[in-house]
Amino acid sequence: MEYIKVTKDNLEFEHICCAISNNRDLQVASKKAWLSERFADGLVFLKSVERGKCFIEYIPAENAWNPIDANGYMYIDCLWVSGSFKGHGYSNDLLDACIKDSKSQGKIGLCILSSAKKKPFLADPKYLQYKGFQIGDEAENGIQLWYLPFDTDAAKPTFRECAKHPRVAEKGYLLYYTSQCPFNAKYVPVLEKTAKEHGIPFKAIHLTRKENAQNAPTPITTYAMFHNGKYLTNEQTNDTKFLKLVAQQ
């Protein structure tokens, strides 16, 4: 497999894997706009030359859009290999490239979000354990911060205090999200419309600044749904799934 690094120079022309469409698509435009602003912060987006979900996205942890204390680490936003790309060692290729790049920059290790059991849109803990990652910290909602130190003396990365006990004061449904995930551009407005039509108290908070994301009351900032103050899920929903979720509360 050949891989290509997406940069500000080729971003307009490259396919970004997770949103399979053209630049006129709202999801693609949202994701590319977010990426273009992150390159200056050291973000790397490495993907297969073939069209599909086979990529890794990472950034120096000091610039990660998550409430973590992980100075000197590289934070992996997303490592996604799926469909026909699975089972060929491409995840290893991408992770190895990230490790090599991170070491060349003098980083002390990698960190990434996961959980005790595999959750949608999070790294597989079994794969992380196989690759030598360890659990550095765990929030009350079961979200874990895993890390791969390059040196045995490397300090453990941790969640900031604001994210260790995910709670919010607002009643009803509250969603924190960023534009890191392209699907939010499509589905968050769908939820807002659906909630309004059914009289469901709902508020979406779009985190548009790194500082806000780094101080959010949730370890996951790409998509974190709360209900009456309690954390519910990081799994994105369409209108049907949202109404089903509401019916279960």
Protein backbone atom coordinates (compact mmCIF):
# COMPACT_ATOMS: atom_id res chain seq x y z
CA MET A 1 0.00 0.00 0.00
CA GLU A 2 1.16 3.53 -0.80
CA TYR A 3 0.36 6.40 1.52
CA ILE A 4 0.15 10.13 1.07
CA LYS A 5 0.42 12.95 3.59
CA VAL A 6 -2.35 15.51 3.27
CA THR A 7 -1.07 19.06 3.64
CA LYS A 8 -2.37 22.56 3.15
CA ASP A 9 -0.96 22.45 -0.37
CA ASN A 10 -2.85 19.34 -1.52
CA LEU A 11 -5.85 19.41 0.83
CA GLU A 12 -8.19 20.78 -1.81
CA PHE A 13 -7.48 17.91 -4.18
CA GLU A 14 -7.16 14.95 -1.84
CA HIS A 15 -9.93 12.69 -0.65
CA ILE A 16 -10.10 12.63 3.15
CA CYS A 17 -11.26 9.04 3.52
CA CYS A 18 -13.97 9.20 6.17
CA ALA A 19 -16.37 11.37 4.18
CA ILE A 20 -16.59 9.80 0.75
CA SER A 21 -17.84 12.63 -1.43
CA ASN A 22 -16.63 15.74 -3.22
CA ASN A 23 -15.56 19.14 -1.94
CA ARG A 24 -19.06 20.55 -2.40
CA ASP A 25 -20.38 18.18 0.26
CA LEU A 26 -21.03 19.98 3.56
CA GLN A 27 -19.26 17.26 5.54
CA VAL A 28 -16.14 17.38 3.39
CA ALA A 29 -16.00 21.18 3.47
CA SER A 30 -16.36 21.19 7.26
CA LYS A 31 -13.61 18.63 7.81
CA LYS A 32 -11.20 20.23 5.36
CA ALA A 33 -11.71 23.65 6.92
CA TRP A 34 -10.92 22.16 10.34
CA LEU A 35 -7.83 20.39 9.01
CA SER A 36 -6.50 23.47 7.25
CA GLU A 37 -6.46 25.36 10.55
CA ARG A 38 -4.72 22.54 12.42
CA PHE A 39 -1.70 22.00 10.17
CA ALA A 40 0.06 24.96 11.78
CA ASP A 41 -0.36 23.18 15.14
CA GLY A 42 1.53 20.15 13.84
CA LEU A 43 -1.38 17.98 12.74
CA VAL A 44 -0.57 15.12 10.38
CA PHE A 45 -3.14 13.35 8.20
CA LEU A 46 -1.66 10.27 6.52
CA LYS A 47 -3.88 8.17 4.28
CA SER A 48 -3.85 5.46 1.67
CA VAL A 49 -3.60 6.58 -1.93
CA GLU A 50 -6.67 4.47 -2.60
CA ARG A 51 -10.11 5.87 -1.89
CA GLY A 52 -11.55 4.56 1.37
CA LYS A 53 -11.28 4.52 5.15
CA CYS A 54 -7.59 3.93 5.73
CA PHE A 55 -5.85 6.77 7.55
CA ILE A 56 -4.28 8.10 10.73
CA GLU A 57 -4.61 11.62 12.09
CA TYR A 58 -2.37 12.84 14.90
CA ILE A 59 -1.18 16.04 16.55
CA PRO A 60 1.17 17.11 19.37
CA ALA A 61 -0.77 16.47 22.58
CA GLU A 62 -0.35 20.09 23.70
CA ASN A 63 -2.50 21.05 20.69
CA ALA A 64 -5.01 18.19 20.95
CA TRP A 65 -8.66 19.13 21.15
CA ASN A 66 -9.18 17.06 24.29
CA PRO A 67 -8.83 17.80 28.03
CA ILE A 68 -5.60 15.89 28.60
CA ASP A 69 -2.26 16.60 30.23
CA ALA A 70 0.26 14.83 28.03
CA ASN A 71 3.17 17.17 27.45
CA GLY A 72 5.73 15.69 25.09
CA TYR A 73 3.35 13.10 23.69
CA MET A 74 1.81 12.79 20.25
CA TYR A 75 -1.97 12.41 20.41
CA ILE A 76 -3.74 10.23 17.85
CA ASP A 77 -7.06 11.79 16.89
CA CYS A 78 -8.10 8.83 14.79
CA LEU A 79 -6.68 5.59 13.40
CA TRP A 80 -9.30 4.15 11.08
CA VAL A 81 -8.94 1.17 8.79
CA SER A 82 -12.16 -0.51 7.73
CA GLY A 83 -13.97 -2.35 4.96
CA SER A 84 -11.80 -4.05 2.37
CA PHE A 85 -8.68 -2.46 3.90
CA LYS A 86 -8.91 -4.51 7.10
CA GLY A 87 -6.70 -7.54 7.62
CA HIS A 88 -3.77 -6.42 5.47
CA GLY A 89 -1.55 -4.83 8.10
CA TYR A 90 -2.37 -1.26 7.09
CA SER A 91 -3.12 -0.24 10.69
CA ASN A 92 0.40 -1.35 11.57
CA ASP A 93 1.82 0.63 8.66
CA LEU A 94 0.05 3.81 9.74
CA LEU A 95 0.89 3.41 13.41
CA ASP A 96 4.54 2.64 12.60
CA ALA A 97 4.71 5.80 10.48
CA CYS A 98 3.28 7.80 13.38
CA ILE A 99 5.81 6.30 15.79
CA LYS A 100 8.72 7.04 13.45
CA ASP A 101 7.58 10.62 12.88
CA SER A 102 6.93 11.21 16.58
CA LYS A 103 10.37 9.92 17.59
CA SER A 104 11.99 12.12 14.95
CA GLN A 105 10.27 15.11 16.60
CA GLY A 106 11.58 14.12 20.02
CA LYS A 107 8.23 13.00 21.42
CA ILE A 108 8.21 10.75 24.49
CA GLY A 109 5.31 8.58 23.35
CA LEU A 110 1.85 8.32 21.83
CA CYS A 111 -1.57 8.56 23.43
CA ILE A 112 -5.09 7.83 22.22
CA LEU A 113 -8.63 7.42 23.56
CA SER A 114 -10.19 4.00 24.02
CA SER A 115 -12.26 2.06 26.57
CA ALA A 116 -12.32 -1.28 28.35
CA LYS A 117 -14.64 -2.65 25.67
CA LYS A 118 -14.63 -1.49 22.07
CA LYS A 119 -16.85 1.54 21.52
CA PRO A 120 -17.85 3.13 18.20
CA PHE A 121 -15.37 5.71 16.88
CA LEU A 122 -12.74 4.78 19.49
CA ALA A 123 -9.59 2.71 19.12
CA ASP A 124 -9.89 -1.02 19.75
CA PRO A 125 -8.35 -1.73 23.18
CA LYS A 126 -7.30 -5.24 22.10
CA TYR A 127 -5.29 -3.79 19.24
CA LEU A 128 -3.73 -1.15 21.48
CA GLN A 129 -2.72 -3.76 24.04
CA TYR A 130 -1.24 -5.91 21.27
CA LYS A 131 0.86 -2.95 20.12
CA GLY A 132 2.19 -2.31 23.63
CA PHE A 133 -0.08 0.54 24.76
CA GLN A 134 -0.99 0.88 28.45
CA ILE A 135 -3.83 2.62 30.28
CA GLY A 136 -2.70 5.98 31.59
CA ASP A 137 -5.99 7.24 33.01
CA GLU A 138 -9.72 6.49 33.05
CA ALA A 139 -12.69 8.81 33.36
CA GLU A 140 -15.77 7.95 35.39
CA ASN A 141 -17.72 7.16 32.20
CA GLY A 142 -15.29 4.42 31.20
CA ILE A 143 -13.35 6.37 28.59
CA GLN A 144 -9.66 5.58 28.89
CA LEU A 145 -6.49 7.37 27.88
CA TRP A 146 -4.01 4.81 26.56
CA TYR A 147 -0.35 5.54 25.93
CA LEU A 148 2.72 4.03 24.33
CA PRO A 149 5.87 5.41 26.00
CA PHE A 150 9.11 5.49 24.05
CA ASP A 151 11.05 5.54 27.32
CA THR A 152 10.27 3.72 30.57
CA ASP A 153 10.73 7.00 32.46
CA ALA A 154 8.04 8.81 30.46
CA ALA A 155 5.33 10.28 32.69
CA LYS A 156 1.82 8.93 32.28
CA PRO A 157 -0.57 11.17 30.36
CA THR A 158 -3.77 11.96 32.28
CA PHE A 159 -7.18 13.51 31.83
CA ARG A 160 -7.67 17.00 33.17
CA GLU A 161 -9.84 17.22 36.27
CA CYS A 162 -12.73 18.74 34.30
CA ALA A 163 -13.07 15.52 32.27
CA LYS A 164 -12.55 12.85 34.93
CA HIS A 165 -16.15 13.00 36.16
CA PRO A 166 -18.24 13.92 33.08
CA ARG A 167 -21.21 15.94 34.28
CA VAL A 168 -23.09 19.02 33.11
CA ALA A 169 -25.61 21.23 34.91
CA GLU A 170 -28.10 21.58 32.06
CA LYS A 171 -31.34 19.59 31.95
CA GLY A 172 -32.51 17.88 28.78
CA TYR A 173 -30.12 16.73 26.08
CA LEU A 174 -26.80 18.49 25.68
CA LEU A 175 -24.29 17.71 22.95
CA TYR A 176 -20.68 18.79 22.82
CA TYR A 177 -19.03 18.39 19.42
CA THR A 178 -16.24 19.63 17.18
CA SER A 179 -15.69 19.75 13.44
CA GLN A 180 -12.95 17.15 13.67
CA CYS A 181 -15.52 14.58 12.59
CA PRO A 182 -17.10 15.50 9.23
CA PHE A 183 -20.35 13.67 9.99
CA ASN A 184 -21.25 16.29 12.62
CA ALA A 185 -21.82 18.88 9.91
CA LYS A 186 -24.68 16.77 8.59
CA TYR A 187 -26.16 15.09 11.63
CA VAL A 188 -26.06 17.76 14.36
CA PRO A 189 -28.54 19.97 12.45
CA VAL A 190 -30.69 16.87 11.95
CA LEU A 191 -30.81 16.33 15.72
CA GLU A 192 -31.61 19.98 16.35
CA LYS A 193 -34.49 19.82 13.88
CA THR A 194 -35.78 16.50 15.22
CA ALA A 195 -35.66 17.68 18.83
CA LYS A 196 -37.55 20.86 17.96
CA GLU A 197 -40.25 18.96 16.06
CA HIS A 198 -40.81 16.57 18.98
CA GLY A 199 -40.52 19.12 21.77
CA ILE A 200 -37.37 17.53 23.18
CA PRO A 201 -35.11 19.86 25.19
CA PHE A 202 -31.87 19.83 23.23
CA LYS A 203 -28.82 22.05 22.98
CA ALA A 204 -25.72 21.58 20.85
CA ILE A 205 -22.45 23.24 21.85
CA HIS A 206 -20.02 23.51 18.97
CA LEU A 207 -16.46 23.65 20.29
CA THR A 208 -14.68 25.91 17.83
CA ARG A 209 -11.55 26.77 19.83
CA LYS A 210 -8.79 24.49 21.10
CA GLU A 211 -8.90 26.10 24.53
CA ASN A 212 -12.60 25.34 24.92
CA ALA A 213 -12.12 21.72 23.87
CA GLN A 214 -9.20 21.31 26.28
CA ASN A 215 -11.42 22.40 29.16
CA ALA A 216 -14.60 20.56 28.21
CA PRO A 217 -16.44 18.41 30.81
CA THR A 218 -15.89 15.28 28.74
CA PRO A 219 -12.80 13.32 27.69
CA ILE A 220 -14.32 12.92 24.21
CA THR A 221 -14.97 16.21 22.46
CA THR A 222 -15.71 15.12 18.90
CA TYR A 223 -19.18 13.99 20.04
CA ALA A 224 -20.40 13.68 23.63
CA MET A 225 -24.11 13.47 24.46
CA PHE A 226 -25.48 14.18 27.94
CA HIS A 227 -29.00 13.80 29.36
CA ASN A 228 -30.07 15.67 32.50
CA GLY A 229 -26.43 16.17 33.37
CA LYS A 230 -25.35 12.55 32.89
CA TYR A 231 -23.04 11.40 30.11
CA LEU A 232 -24.82 9.12 27.62
CA THR A 233 -22.76 8.29 24.55
CA ASN A 234 -20.12 9.24 22.02
CA GLU A 235 -21.95 7.41 19.22
CA GLN A 236 -23.33 9.72 16.57
CA THR A 237 -27.01 9.35 15.83
CA ASN A 238 -29.40 10.22 13.04
CA ASP A 239 -33.01 11.25 13.72
CA THR A 240 -34.27 7.67 14.10
CA LYS A 241 -31.52 6.61 16.50
CA PHE A 242 -31.90 9.81 18.49
CA LEU A 243 -35.63 9.24 19.03
CA LYS A 244 -34.90 5.64 20.03
CA LEU A 245 -32.31 6.89 22.51
CA VAL A 246 -34.82 9.36 23.94
CA ALA A 247 -37.43 6.61 24.33
CA GLN A 248 -34.98 4.56 26.40
CA GLN A 249 -34.39 7.31 28.97
